[in-house]
Protein backbone atom coordinates (compact mmCIF):
# COMPACT_ATOMS: atom_id res chain seq x y z
CA UNK A 1 -7.05 11.17 16.56
CA UNK A 2 -4.90 8.06 16.16
CA UNK A 3 -6.10 4.51 15.77
CA UNK A 4 -4.79 1.00 16.15
CA UNK A 5 -5.94 -1.99 14.14
CA UNK A 6 -5.29 -5.43 15.52
CA UNK A 7 -3.36 -7.90 13.35
CA UNK A 8 -5.45 -10.46 11.49
CA UNK A 9 -3.94 -13.75 10.38
CA UNK A 10 -6.88 -15.02 8.35
CA UNK A 11 -9.75 -13.25 6.59
CA UNK A 12 -12.29 -15.66 5.09
CA UNK A 13 -14.64 -14.64 2.28
CA UNK A 14 -18.30 -15.53 2.91
CA UNK A 15 -20.92 -15.01 0.18
CA UNK A 16 -23.37 -12.26 1.01
CA UNK A 17 -26.16 -14.65 0.09
CA UNK A 18 -25.01 -17.15 2.75
CA UNK A 19 -24.67 -15.14 5.93
CA UNK A 20 -25.55 -18.32 7.82
CA UNK A 21 -22.03 -19.49 6.95
CA UNK A 22 -20.57 -17.02 9.44
CA UNK A 23 -20.86 -19.75 12.04
CA UNK A 24 -18.73 -22.03 9.84
CA UNK A 25 -16.14 -19.31 9.41
CA UNK A 26 -15.87 -18.81 13.15
CA UNK A 27 -15.78 -22.55 13.79
CA UNK A 28 -12.86 -22.81 11.34
CA UNK A 29 -10.93 -20.32 13.48
CA UNK A 30 -10.93 -17.35 11.10
CA UNK A 31 -9.81 -14.10 12.70
CA UNK A 32 -12.14 -12.22 10.35
CA UNK A 33 -14.91 -12.85 7.83
CA UNK A 34 -15.46 -10.80 4.69
CA UNK A 35 -19.12 -10.82 3.72
CA UNK A 36 -19.04 -10.45 -0.06
CA UNK A 37 -21.56 -8.30 -1.91
CA UNK A 38 -19.50 -8.14 -5.10
CA UNK A 39 -18.31 -11.18 -7.07
CA UNK A 40 -20.16 -13.75 -4.94
CA UNK A 41 -23.59 -12.22 -5.62
CA UNK A 42 -25.40 -12.22 -9.01
CA UNK A 43 -26.70 -8.89 -10.28
CA UNK A 44 -30.34 -9.72 -9.60
CA UNK A 45 -29.55 -10.71 -6.02
CA UNK A 46 -27.64 -7.61 -4.90
CA UNK A 47 -30.49 -5.89 -3.08
CA UNK A 48 -31.49 -8.98 -1.09
CA UNK A 49 -27.86 -9.76 -0.26
CA UNK A 50 -27.36 -6.20 0.98
CA UNK A 51 -30.34 -6.61 3.30
CA UNK A 52 -29.05 -9.95 4.57
CA UNK A 53 -25.53 -8.68 5.17
CA UNK A 54 -26.69 -5.54 6.99
CA UNK A 55 -28.86 -7.66 9.27
CA UNK A 56 -26.05 -10.17 9.86
CA UNK A 57 -23.58 -7.44 10.83
CA UNK A 58 -26.03 -5.85 13.24
CA UNK A 59 -26.89 -9.19 14.87
CA UNK A 60 -23.39 -10.69 15.00
CA UNK A 61 -22.10 -11.40 18.50
CA UNK A 62 -19.10 -13.60 17.78
CA UNK A 63 -15.37 -13.15 18.16
CA UNK A 64 -14.44 -12.58 14.54
CA UNK A 65 -13.89 -9.17 13.05
CA UNK A 66 -16.49 -8.52 10.33
CA UNK A 67 -15.73 -6.88 7.00
CA UNK A 68 -17.97 -6.33 3.98
CA UNK A 69 -16.75 -6.27 0.38
CA UNK A 70 -19.00 -3.76 -1.36
CA UNK A 71 -19.38 -3.18 -5.07
CA UNK A 72 -17.19 -0.54 -6.76
CA UNK A 73 -18.09 3.03 -5.85
CA UNK A 74 -18.72 4.05 -9.46
CA UNK A 75 -22.47 4.36 -8.91
CA UNK A 76 -25.08 4.73 -6.19
CA UNK A 77 -25.26 1.00 -5.50
CA UNK A 78 -21.88 0.89 -3.74
CA UNK A 79 -22.65 4.04 -1.74
CA UNK A 80 -26.00 2.57 -0.64
CA UNK A 81 -24.19 -0.56 0.49
CA UNK A 82 -21.83 1.49 2.67
CA UNK A 83 -24.76 3.21 4.32
CA UNK A 84 -26.64 -0.06 4.84
CA UNK A 85 -23.82 -2.01 6.47
CA UNK A 86 -22.18 0.75 8.56
CA UNK A 87 -22.47 -0.38 12.17
CA UNK A 88 -20.48 -0.37 15.38
CA UNK A 89 -19.76 -4.08 14.90
CA UNK A 90 -18.36 -3.59 11.40
CA UNK A 91 -14.55 -3.72 11.46
CA UNK A 92 -14.04 -2.53 7.91
CA UNK A 93 -14.97 -2.22 4.27
CA UNK A 94 -13.16 -4.09 1.49
CA UNK A 95 -13.18 -1.87 -1.61
CA UNK A 96 -12.74 -3.67 -4.98
CA UNK A 97 -11.50 -2.49 -8.36
CA UNK A 98 -9.47 0.41 -6.98
CA UNK A 99 -7.67 2.29 -9.78
CA UNK A 100 -5.92 5.03 -7.81
CA UNK A 101 -5.86 7.30 -4.75
CA UNK A 102 -9.02 9.20 -5.72
CA UNK A 103 -11.12 6.03 -5.31
CA UNK A 104 -9.84 5.79 -1.75
CA UNK A 105 -10.53 9.44 -1.01
CA UNK A 106 -14.12 9.05 -2.18
CA UNK A 107 -14.59 5.95 -0.02
CA UNK A 108 -13.02 7.73 2.95
CA UNK A 109 -15.46 10.64 2.64
CA UNK A 110 -18.46 8.35 2.24
CA UNK A 111 -17.44 6.30 5.27
CA UNK A 112 -17.02 9.50 7.27
CA UNK A 113 -20.61 10.45 6.47
CA UNK A 114 -21.79 6.96 7.41
CA UNK A 115 -19.95 7.14 10.72
CA UNK A 116 -21.55 10.49 11.56
CA UNK A 117 -24.97 9.16 10.61
CA UNK A 118 -24.54 6.15 12.91
CA UNK A 119 -22.89 8.07 15.76
CA UNK A 120 -19.55 6.30 15.34
CA UNK A 121 -16.14 7.89 16.01
CA UNK A 122 -14.34 9.22 12.93
CA UNK A 123 -12.13 6.55 11.42
CA UNK A 124 -13.93 3.74 13.26
CA UNK A 125 -14.45 1.68 10.08
CA UNK A 126 -11.26 0.46 8.43
CA UNK A 127 -10.81 0.56 4.68
CA UNK A 128 -9.13 -2.26 2.73
CA UNK A 129 -8.60 -1.27 -0.93
CA UNK A 130 -8.11 -4.22 -3.27
CA UNK A 131 -5.30 -3.54 -5.74
CA UNK A 132 -6.87 -5.33 -8.70
CA UNK A 133 -5.72 -3.12 -11.56
CA UNK A 134 -2.25 -2.47 -12.94
CA UNK A 135 -2.56 1.23 -12.08
CA UNK A 136 -3.51 0.45 -8.49
CA UNK A 137 -0.59 -1.93 -8.06
CA UNK A 138 1.77 0.70 -9.43
CA UNK A 139 0.35 3.35 -7.08
CA UNK A 140 0.12 1.23 -3.92
CA UNK A 141 2.07 3.78 -1.88
CA UNK A 142 -0.10 6.72 -2.97
CA UNK A 143 -3.26 4.70 -2.39
CA UNK A 144 -2.16 3.80 1.12
CA UNK A 145 -1.31 7.44 1.86
CA UNK A 146 -4.62 8.75 0.50
CA UNK A 147 -6.47 7.90 3.73
CA UNK A 148 -3.69 6.74 6.06
CA UNK A 149 -5.57 6.67 9.39
CA UNK A 150 -8.33 4.51 7.93
CA UNK A 151 -6.44 2.11 5.65
CA UNK A 152 -5.33 -1.23 7.08
CA UNK A 153 -4.70 -4.76 5.86
CA UNK A 154 -3.67 -3.49 2.42
CA UNK A 155 -1.46 -5.78 0.36
CA UNK A 156 -1.07 -7.73 -2.85
CA UNK A 157 -3.90 -10.20 -3.29
CA UNK A 158 -2.80 -12.19 -6.32
CA UNK A 159 -4.47 -15.35 -7.59
CA UNK A 160 -4.46 -17.47 -10.72
CA UNK A 161 -6.89 -16.22 -13.37
CA UNK A 162 -8.38 -13.40 -11.32
CA UNK A 163 -8.58 -9.65 -11.82
CA UNK A 164 -4.90 -9.10 -11.01
CA UNK A 165 -3.75 -11.87 -13.33
CA UNK A 166 -5.81 -10.36 -16.13
CA UNK A 167 -4.48 -6.88 -15.43
CA UNK A 168 -0.81 -7.86 -15.19
CA UNK A 169 -0.78 -10.84 -17.52
CA UNK A 170 1.29 -13.17 -15.34
CA UNK A 171 1.14 -16.94 -15.46
CA UNK A 172 0.67 -17.62 -11.76
CA UNK A 173 3.35 -19.28 -9.65
CA UNK A 174 5.12 -18.52 -6.38
CA UNK A 175 8.05 -17.23 -8.41
CA UNK A 176 6.15 -15.15 -10.97
CA UNK A 177 4.18 -13.24 -8.32
CA UNK A 178 7.01 -12.89 -5.78
CA UNK A 179 8.25 -9.56 -7.14
CA UNK A 180 4.73 -8.13 -7.23
CA UNK A 181 3.95 -9.14 -3.68
CA UNK A 182 7.33 -7.85 -2.48
CA UNK A 183 6.98 -4.47 -4.16
CA UNK A 184 3.47 -3.87 -2.85
CA UNK A 185 4.53 -4.86 0.65
CA UNK A 186 7.38 -2.34 0.62
CA UNK A 187 5.06 0.38 -0.67
CA UNK A 188 2.39 -0.13 1.97
CA UNK A 189 4.94 -0.50 4.78
CA UNK A 190 6.58 2.75 3.67
CA UNK A 191 3.15 4.40 3.74
CA UNK A 192 2.63 3.29 7.33
CA UNK A 193 -0.15 0.81 6.66
CA UNK A 194 -0.55 -1.61 9.58
CA UNK A 195 -0.88 -5.36 9.19
CA UNK A 196 -0.68 -5.94 5.40
CA UNK A 197 -2.35 -9.11 4.16
CA UNK A 198 -1.86 -11.18 1.01
CA UNK A 199 -3.78 -13.92 -0.82
CA UNK A 200 -5.42 -15.83 -2.46
CA UNK A 201 -4.87 -19.58 -2.69
CA UNK A 202 -7.55 -21.02 -4.96
CA UNK A 203 -6.64 -24.73 -5.02
CA UNK A 204 -8.94 -25.92 -2.25
CA UNK A 205 -7.43 -29.38 -1.80
CA UNK A 206 -3.73 -28.46 -2.05
CA UNK A 207 -2.95 -27.64 1.56
CA UNK A 208 0.79 -28.22 1.09
CA UNK A 209 0.85 -25.61 -1.66
CA UNK A 210 -1.16 -23.25 0.53
CA UNK A 211 1.32 -23.74 3.37
CA UNK A 212 4.27 -22.90 1.12
CA UNK A 213 2.47 -19.80 -0.19
CA UNK A 214 1.49 -18.63 3.31
CA UNK A 215 4.99 -19.19 4.68
CA UNK A 216 6.53 -17.27 1.80
CA UNK A 217 4.15 -14.36 2.41
CA UNK A 218 5.03 -14.37 6.10
CA UNK A 219 8.73 -14.42 5.25
CA UNK A 220 8.22 -11.35 3.06
CA UNK A 221 6.63 -9.47 5.96
CA UNK A 222 2.89 -9.93 5.49
CA UNK A 223 0.84 -10.36 8.65
CA UNK A 224 -1.98 -12.52 7.26
CA UNK A 225 -3.89 -13.76 4.23
CA UNK A 226 -7.35 -13.67 2.74
CA UNK A 227 -8.92 -17.08 2.12
CA UNK A 228 -11.80 -18.59 0.18
CA UNK A 229 -12.39 -21.88 2.01
CA UNK A 230 -12.70 -22.79 5.72
CA UNK A 231 -10.26 -25.68 5.34
CA UNK A 232 -7.51 -23.15 4.60
CA UNK A 233 -7.88 -21.28 7.88
CA UNK A 234 -5.90 -23.59 10.22
CA UNK A 235 -2.98 -23.68 7.77
CA UNK A 236 -2.94 -19.90 7.41
CA UNK A 237 -3.27 -19.30 11.15
CA UNK A 238 -0.36 -21.61 11.85
CA UNK A 239 1.84 -19.96 9.21
CA UNK A 240 1.26 -16.49 10.65
CA UNK A 241 1.58 -17.43 14.32
CA UNK A 242 4.92 -17.74 16.11
CA UNK A 243 5.51 -21.04 17.86
CA UNK A 244 6.03 -21.18 21.64
CA UNK A 245 9.70 -21.90 20.93
CA UNK A 246 10.00 -18.74 18.84
CA UNK A 247 8.37 -16.63 21.55
CA UNK A 248 10.68 -18.13 24.16
CA UNK A 249 13.69 -17.35 21.97
CA UNK A 250 12.60 -13.70 21.67
CA UNK A 251 12.46 -13.48 25.45
CA UNK A 252 15.93 -15.04 25.83
CA UNK A 253 17.37 -12.68 23.22
CA UNK A 254 16.03 -9.64 25.06
CA UNK A 255 17.44 -10.95 28.33
CA UNK A 256 20.87 -11.53 26.75
CA UNK A 257 21.04 -8.05 25.19
CA UNK A 258 19.89 -6.32 28.36
CA UNK A 259 22.46 -8.27 30.41
CA UNK A 260 25.17 -7.20 27.96
CA UNK A 261 24.05 -3.59 28.17
CA UNK A 262 24.13 -3.70 31.95
CA UNK A 263 27.73 -4.92 31.70
CA UNK A 264 28.61 -2.04 29.36
CA UNK A 265 28.53 -3.95 26.05
CA UNK A 266 26.48 -2.92 23.05
CA UNK A 267 26.41 -6.32 21.36
CA UNK A 268 26.59 -9.93 22.48
CA UNK A 269 26.83 -13.38 20.96
CA UNK A 270 23.48 -15.10 21.43
CA UNK A 271 22.98 -18.72 20.37
CA UNK A 272 25.65 -18.37 17.70
CA UNK A 273 24.51 -14.99 16.36
CA UNK A 274 25.71 -11.45 17.04
CA UNK A 275 22.78 -9.41 18.37
CA UNK A 276 22.35 -5.89 19.70
CA UNK A 277 19.63 -3.41 20.67
CA UNK A 278 18.11 -3.38 17.16
CA UNK A 279 17.37 -7.10 17.39
CA UNK A 280 16.12 -6.71 20.96
CA UNK A 281 13.74 -3.93 19.90
CA UNK A 282 12.33 -6.17 17.17
CA UNK A 283 11.93 -9.03 19.65
CA UNK A 284 10.13 -6.75 22.12
CA UNK A 285 7.71 -5.59 19.44
CA UNK A 286 6.99 -9.17 18.41
CA UNK A 287 6.37 -10.26 21.99
CA UNK A 288 4.03 -7.34 22.60
CA UNK A 289 2.12 -8.07 19.41
CA UNK A 290 1.89 -11.82 19.71
CA UNK A 291 1.54 -11.80 23.46
CA UNK A 292 -1.53 -9.66 22.94
CA UNK A 293 -2.82 -11.95 20.19
CA UNK A 294 -2.41 -15.16 22.16
CA UNK A 295 -3.44 -13.65 25.47
CA UNK A 296 -5.60 -10.56 25.73
CA UNK A 297 -6.92 -10.21 22.21
CA UNK A 298 -7.49 -13.90 21.54
CA UNK A 299 -9.26 -16.61 23.40
CA UNK A 300 -7.59 -19.81 24.47
CA UNK A 301 -8.22 -21.30 21.03
CA UNK A 302 -6.11 -18.58 19.40
CA UNK A 303 -8.97 -16.63 17.85
CA UNK A 304 -9.80 -13.02 18.58
CA UNK A 305 -11.19 -12.57 22.05
CA UNK A 306 -12.67 -9.19 21.19
CA UNK A 307 -16.04 -8.63 19.62
CA UNK A 308 -15.97 -6.80 16.29
CA UNK A 309 -17.24 -3.62 17.97
CA UNK A 310 -14.15 -3.74 20.19
CA UNK A 311 -11.80 -4.34 17.28
CA UNK A 312 -10.82 -0.69 16.81
CA UNK A 313 -9.53 1.55 19.56
CA UNK A 314 -9.09 5.29 19.34
CA UNK A 315 -7.12 7.66 21.50
């Protein structure tokens, strides 16, 4: 069985205690919401938050993909959360504090049991391991390969003062985290992980800084970013969406290469650049992907046009 996960430009964290904020996340244009049962919920509120999140997932009828960040699977609490929130409308599970491939294998097995219990196809629920320890960052490739059909949206989520900063010891800047984000991206791409995402930008009011960070991540090859505030969503969506001019240029490039091929040439000068079939193949893939995003898979406002229960297709 193979599976396809749709690209997500923006994944907005929503506290598990405030499931009513899902409407705000969708209004902001987020492609996905991550209902958080871990850091956003105090210890004495975990059980109530789990109940709220499970009910919210089951009742959700919006366009966003829904994810849930559970607690680490080092005890029964995390496993109980998986069982509670597993549902046909759940796009995926965000797994925190991953230390290595074995954590992913355990989560994969538990999700498989949950899928059977709920009558869902195997692999229906995506898994997004958070690389928050030095060992996990070093083993990104092995982690991605540990449950390849299920893992998606894996990438380097670095932020000032967070778990990754504490584990690595960096003083956060675009420059100091560039190597880390680049290395993880290469690892997960080599492992075949679709649609890697980065993050986080924690300065809520600095939208110019956010834009620079998002554009750098897109230039590296990331497909989207996680976010902590609704005001960040339009900036992130814009950074990870091609403009109409870019899409038109892809189409012209394909036309130029195909015309050259028909005339017996393997390469052609196109708008001042030498291009050939390799560039045309890349342009075709981008048009297919973003044509689907802006047409079939998204509504006219650019958000996902599929319900979360339609987010994953199997064949």
